[in-house]
Amino acid sequence: MTVKVVTDSTSDIPRALAESLGITVVPLNVHFGEDTYLDGVTIGAEEFFRRLQTSAAFPKTSQPSAGLFIDTYRKLFDGGATAIVSIHISSKVSGTFNSAVQAKADLGDSAPISIVDTGQASMGLGLIAMAAARAASRGESAPAVSDLASRLSGAARFFGLLDTLEYLHKGGRIGKAQMLLGSLLKIHPILTMQDGVAHPLERARTRARGIERIKGIARESAPLSGLSVLHTTQPDEAQSIANDLKAIAPNGEITIAQFGPVLGTYLGPGALGVALIGVDKASR
């Protein structure tokens, strides 16, 4: 049985890594005014963040169409896949999962497709898809791969540290007064995914303290089966955090990734993050 793993571009898996693991990534749409791009295909993260800071139009994102999922699934089946496990961002923050479900329904029962709502985002999702792809490459069955992805969804955690509140305000997530007060107090929020949606976790009074806190959360979560450090525009800081966390990384491996447009729209430049999967929870 040839099981193929599909995810979406909100997973933020580095392209070369996704290709090496045989993961097919379905892109979301990115809109700047009248211009529409495919995330990771016709616009990359570097270009996105440049435009985020300079464009008069605040970006919007939208889910892939069911038709794009149908085309993706058909191509994989035509290429020899006998089953597909499609692993996606929380259905509470994006319609991507629903598009995948619609595509499966349109293809009918003859197409063996399992669709997993991880309740996660960014590399919280990415680490799950990577683990599933590795299981598929070992010859695990489609039900086993799907069950693994579902189980890891409960063990994955994601934390994002903001450098500014400006983009949460522009995106309509906080009011102007809250943004101004937070900026005046130099607050750096730490966000997490809880029950499938983004929630504020803590507030750091300095960026340095925020960085120490997300590193502390990662250490408190050890032992780990997966670990990733993310950034929007600060690769050197992400590498520094990864160096500090190497001792708790499974096999010393940490995936350094760049936030894409979906979370990046609200996190803004200068944001950092950590995504992880804990061993104990994942093994239940």
Protein backbone atom coordinates (compact mmCIF):
# COMPACT_ATOMS: atom_id res chain seq x y z
CA MET A 1 0.00 0.00 0.00
CA THR A 2 1.29 3.43 -0.96
CA VAL A 3 -0.04 5.99 1.51
CA LYS A 4 0.50 9.66 0.66
CA VAL A 5 0.26 12.56 3.11
CA VAL A 6 -1.30 15.87 2.12
CA THR A 7 -1.31 19.03 4.21
CA ASP A 8 -1.85 22.73 3.54
CA SER A 9 0.48 25.71 3.42
CA THR A 10 -0.47 26.88 6.91
CA SER A 11 1.74 24.03 8.15
CA ASP A 12 4.79 26.22 7.39
CA ILE A 13 6.93 23.15 6.64
CA PRO A 14 10.04 24.31 4.73
CA ARG A 15 9.55 23.38 1.09
CA ALA A 16 12.69 21.25 0.75
CA LEU A 17 11.76 19.29 3.88
CA ALA A 18 8.20 18.67 2.66
CA GLU A 19 9.55 17.42 -0.67
CA SER A 20 12.07 15.13 1.01
CA LEU A 21 9.30 13.57 3.11
CA GLY A 22 6.95 13.20 0.16
CA ILE A 23 4.37 15.58 1.63
CA THR A 24 2.05 17.33 -0.83
CA VAL A 25 1.25 20.88 0.28
CA VAL A 26 -1.98 22.51 -0.93
CA PRO A 27 -1.60 26.32 -0.96
CA LEU A 28 -4.01 28.79 0.57
CA ASN A 29 -4.75 32.06 -1.21
CA VAL A 30 -3.18 35.37 -0.22
CA HIS A 31 -4.93 38.60 -1.23
CA PHE A 32 -3.35 42.06 -1.37
CA GLY A 33 -6.12 44.29 -2.65
CA GLU A 34 -7.09 43.00 -6.10
CA ASP A 35 -4.01 40.78 -6.37
CA THR A 36 -4.32 37.11 -5.42
CA TYR A 37 -1.38 34.76 -4.88
CA LEU A 38 -0.87 31.12 -3.99
CA ASP A 39 0.93 30.78 -0.67
CA GLY A 40 4.37 29.30 -1.21
CA VAL A 41 3.82 29.03 -4.97
CA THR A 42 3.42 32.52 -6.43
CA ILE A 43 4.37 34.36 -3.24
CA GLY A 44 6.92 33.27 -0.66
CA ALA A 45 7.24 34.26 2.97
CA GLU A 46 10.01 36.80 2.34
CA GLU A 47 7.95 38.64 -0.28
CA PHE A 48 4.84 38.39 1.86
CA PHE A 49 6.43 40.07 4.88
CA ARG A 50 7.99 42.77 2.70
CA ARG A 51 4.56 43.58 1.30
CA LEU A 52 2.93 43.30 4.73
CA GLN A 53 5.11 46.18 5.93
CA THR A 54 4.89 48.34 2.79
CA SER A 55 1.53 47.72 1.10
CA ALA A 56 -1.36 50.09 1.63
CA ALA A 57 -3.71 47.10 1.44
CA PHE A 58 -3.81 44.84 4.49
CA PRO A 59 -3.64 41.22 3.32
CA LYS A 60 -6.36 38.63 3.59
CA THR A 61 -6.14 34.88 3.21
CA SER A 62 -8.68 32.33 2.05
CA GLN A 63 -8.89 28.55 1.95
CA PRO A 64 -8.12 26.44 -1.12
CA SER A 65 -11.13 25.46 -3.19
CA ALA A 66 -12.57 21.97 -3.07
CA GLY A 67 -11.64 21.78 -6.75
CA LEU A 68 -7.95 22.27 -5.96
CA PHE A 69 -8.13 19.45 -3.43
CA ILE A 70 -9.88 17.22 -5.98
CA ASP A 71 -7.13 17.91 -8.52
CA THR A 72 -4.46 17.22 -5.89
CA TYR A 73 -6.01 13.96 -4.76
CA ARG A 74 -6.57 12.73 -8.32
CA LYS A 75 -2.97 13.48 -9.26
CA LEU A 76 -1.70 11.46 -6.30
CA PHE A 77 -3.94 8.52 -7.12
CA ASP A 78 -2.90 8.69 -10.77
CA GLY A 79 0.72 8.66 -9.58
CA GLY A 80 0.28 5.40 -7.71
CA ALA A 81 -1.13 6.32 -4.29
CA THR A 82 -3.49 3.71 -2.91
CA ALA A 83 -4.68 5.90 0.00
CA ILE A 84 -4.34 9.51 1.15
CA VAL A 85 -4.21 10.98 4.64
CA SER A 86 -5.00 14.71 4.43
CA ILE A 87 -3.93 16.64 7.55
CA HIS A 88 -5.04 20.23 8.09
CA ILE A 89 -5.23 23.43 10.09
CA SER A 90 -7.95 23.77 12.71
CA SER A 91 -11.40 23.97 11.14
CA LYS A 92 -12.22 26.70 13.69
CA VAL A 93 -9.82 29.19 12.11
CA SER A 94 -9.93 28.22 8.42
CA GLY A 95 -12.28 26.69 5.90
CA THR A 96 -9.43 24.55 4.52
CA PHE A 97 -10.57 21.40 6.33
CA ASN A 98 -14.10 21.83 4.98
CA SER A 99 -12.78 22.18 1.43
CA ALA A 100 -10.91 18.90 1.85
CA VAL A 101 -14.03 17.21 3.22
CA GLN A 102 -16.06 18.47 0.25
CA ALA A 103 -13.43 17.19 -2.17
CA LYS A 104 -13.53 13.75 -0.57
CA ALA A 105 -17.33 13.69 -0.83
CA ASP A 106 -17.20 14.70 -4.49
CA LEU A 107 -14.70 11.96 -5.31
CA GLY A 108 -16.88 9.33 -3.65
CA ASP A 109 -16.15 6.18 -1.67
CA SER A 110 -13.89 4.77 -4.37
CA ALA A 111 -11.18 7.24 -3.31
CA PRO A 112 -9.76 6.14 0.08
CA ILE A 113 -9.06 9.47 1.78
CA SER A 114 -8.82 10.17 5.51
CA ILE A 115 -9.05 13.81 6.58
CA VAL A 116 -7.71 14.97 9.94
CA ASP A 117 -8.63 18.22 11.69
CA THR A 118 -5.61 18.77 13.92
CA GLY A 119 -6.95 21.79 15.78
CA GLN A 120 -3.45 23.19 15.24
CA ALA A 121 -1.70 25.76 13.07
CA SER A 122 1.77 26.50 11.70
CA MET A 123 4.40 23.96 12.70
CA GLY A 124 2.06 22.56 15.35
CA LEU A 125 0.35 21.18 12.25
CA GLY A 126 3.61 20.75 10.37
CA LEU A 127 5.19 18.45 12.94
CA ILE A 128 2.10 16.23 12.84
CA ALA A 129 2.21 15.99 9.04
CA MET A 130 5.93 15.22 9.15
CA ALA A 131 5.45 12.40 11.66
CA ALA A 132 2.60 11.00 9.57
CA ALA A 133 4.73 11.09 6.41
CA ARG A 134 7.54 9.23 8.15
CA ALA A 135 5.07 6.58 9.32
CA ALA A 136 3.74 6.23 5.77
CA SER A 137 7.28 5.83 4.44
CA ARG A 138 7.81 2.98 6.91
CA GLY A 139 4.89 1.18 5.33
CA GLU A 140 2.23 1.92 7.95
CA SER A 141 -1.36 1.49 6.76
CA ALA A 142 -3.61 4.47 6.02
CA PRO A 143 -5.71 3.88 9.20
CA ALA A 144 -2.52 3.72 11.27
CA VAL A 145 -1.17 6.93 9.74
CA SER A 146 -4.51 8.69 10.23
CA ASP A 147 -4.75 7.49 13.84
CA LEU A 148 -1.21 8.71 14.51
CA ALA A 149 -2.05 12.16 13.15
CA SER A 150 -5.18 12.33 15.29
CA ARG A 151 -3.31 11.26 18.41
CA LEU A 152 -0.47 13.69 17.86
CA SER A 153 -2.99 16.49 17.39
CA GLY A 154 -3.71 16.28 21.10
CA ALA A 155 -0.02 16.29 21.98
CA ALA A 156 1.08 19.20 19.76
CA ARG A 157 1.52 22.70 21.16
CA PHE A 158 2.32 26.01 19.52
CA PHE A 159 3.46 29.32 21.05
CA GLY A 160 4.00 32.60 19.22
CA LEU A 161 5.73 35.68 20.64
CA LEU A 162 4.71 39.02 19.12
CA ASP A 163 7.07 41.95 18.77
CA THR A 164 4.25 44.41 18.06
CA LEU A 165 0.48 44.62 18.51
CA GLU A 166 0.08 46.64 15.32
CA TYR A 167 -0.87 43.72 13.10
CA LEU A 168 -3.36 42.24 15.54
CA HIS A 169 -5.04 45.64 15.44
CA LYS A 170 -4.91 45.94 11.65
CA GLY A 171 -6.39 42.48 11.35
CA GLY A 172 -9.31 43.40 13.60
CA ARG A 173 -8.27 41.12 16.46
CA ILE A 174 -7.84 43.90 19.06
CA GLY A 175 -9.16 47.45 19.37
CA LYS A 176 -7.11 50.61 18.90
CA ALA A 177 -7.16 51.50 22.59
CA GLN A 178 -5.91 48.04 23.53
CA MET A 179 -3.20 48.27 20.89
CA LEU A 180 -2.06 51.71 22.07
CA LEU A 181 -2.03 50.69 25.73
CA GLY A 182 -0.14 47.51 24.98
CA SER A 183 2.39 49.41 22.89
CA LEU A 184 2.81 52.04 25.62
CA LEU A 185 3.47 49.33 28.21
CA LYS A 186 5.74 47.53 25.74
CA ILE A 187 3.75 44.32 26.09
CA HIS A 188 4.81 41.30 24.06
CA PRO A 189 1.95 38.78 24.04
CA ILE A 190 2.54 35.04 23.82
CA LEU A 191 -0.23 33.33 21.87
CA THR A 192 -1.12 29.65 21.78
CA MET A 193 -3.67 27.35 20.16
CA GLN A 194 -6.40 26.27 22.58
CA ASP A 195 -9.47 24.28 21.57
CA GLY A 196 -8.60 24.93 17.95
CA VAL A 197 -8.38 28.73 18.13
CA ALA A 198 -5.67 31.25 19.00
CA HIS A 199 -5.67 32.45 22.61
CA PRO A 200 -3.43 34.81 24.58
CA LEU A 201 -1.34 32.78 27.00
CA GLU A 202 0.93 35.25 28.77
CA ARG A 203 2.29 38.79 28.46
CA ALA A 204 6.00 39.56 28.58
CA ARG A 205 7.15 43.07 29.45
CA THR A 206 10.27 42.81 27.28
CA ARG A 207 11.15 40.87 24.17
CA ALA A 208 14.07 39.21 25.96
CA ARG A 209 11.77 37.94 28.70
CA GLY A 210 9.32 36.69 26.10
CA ILE A 211 12.05 34.73 24.36
CA GLU A 212 13.17 33.21 27.66
CA ARG A 213 9.58 32.27 28.43
CA ILE A 214 8.93 30.40 25.18
CA LYS A 215 12.21 28.57 25.67
CA GLY A 216 11.11 27.77 29.22
CA ILE A 217 7.79 26.40 28.01
CA ALA A 218 9.62 24.11 25.59
CA ARG A 219 11.91 22.85 28.33
CA GLU A 220 8.96 22.27 30.67
CA SER A 221 7.30 20.18 27.95
CA ALA A 222 10.24 17.78 27.51
CA PRO A 223 10.70 14.96 26.62
CA LEU A 224 9.68 15.73 23.07
CA SER A 225 9.10 13.78 19.88
CA GLY A 226 9.16 16.89 17.68
CA LEU A 227 10.41 20.47 17.97
CA SER A 228 10.40 23.48 15.68
CA VAL A 229 11.47 27.11 16.09
CA LEU A 230 9.76 29.72 13.90
CA HIS A 231 10.22 33.33 12.91
CA THR A 232 8.61 35.86 10.62
CA THR A 233 11.64 38.04 9.80
CA GLN A 234 14.40 37.13 12.28
CA PRO A 235 16.18 33.92 11.20
CA ASP A 236 19.24 34.64 13.36
CA GLU A 237 17.15 34.85 16.52
CA ALA A 238 15.35 31.65 15.58
CA GLN A 239 18.69 29.91 15.13
CA SER A 240 19.86 31.21 18.51
CA ILE A 241 16.74 29.84 20.21
CA ALA A 242 17.24 26.50 18.44
CA ASN A 243 20.83 26.37 19.68
CA ASP A 244 19.64 26.93 23.24
CA LEU A 245 17.02 24.17 22.95
CA LYS A 246 19.18 21.55 21.25
CA ALA A 247 19.58 19.58 24.48
CA ILE A 248 15.85 18.77 24.59
CA ALA A 249 15.39 18.21 20.85
CA PRO A 250 14.59 14.62 19.80
CA ASN A 251 17.83 13.24 18.32
CA GLY A 252 19.13 16.81 18.46
CA GLU A 253 16.93 17.73 15.48
CA ILE A 254 15.06 21.04 15.38
CA THR A 255 13.17 22.28 12.34
CA ILE A 256 13.67 26.01 11.82
CA ALA A 257 10.81 27.42 9.77
CA GLN A 258 9.33 30.73 8.70
CA PHE A 259 5.75 31.68 9.47
CA GLY A 260 3.66 32.00 6.34
CA PRO A 261 0.89 34.47 5.51
CA VAL A 262 -1.96 33.02 7.60
CA LEU A 263 -0.47 33.54 11.06
CA GLY A 264 2.08 36.03 9.78
CA THR A 265 -0.70 38.48 8.91
CA TYR A 266 -1.49 38.86 12.60
CA LEU A 267 1.87 38.11 14.21
CA GLY A 268 3.68 40.71 12.13
CA PRO A 269 7.42 41.19 11.62
CA GLY A 270 9.77 40.27 14.44
CA ALA A 271 7.58 37.46 15.74
CA LEU A 272 9.09 34.21 17.01
CA GLY A 273 7.54 30.90 17.90
CA VAL A 274 8.01 27.37 19.16
CA ALA A 275 6.02 24.30 18.15
CA LEU A 276 6.45 20.92 19.81
CA ILE A 277 5.03 17.48 20.38
CA GLY A 278 5.45 15.92 23.80
CA VAL A 279 6.42 12.25 24.02
CA ASP A 280 4.27 11.35 27.01
CA LYS A 281 1.00 12.67 25.60
CA ALA A 282 1.70 11.32 22.14
CA SER A 283 2.25 7.79 23.44
CA ARG A 284 -1.07 7.45 25.21
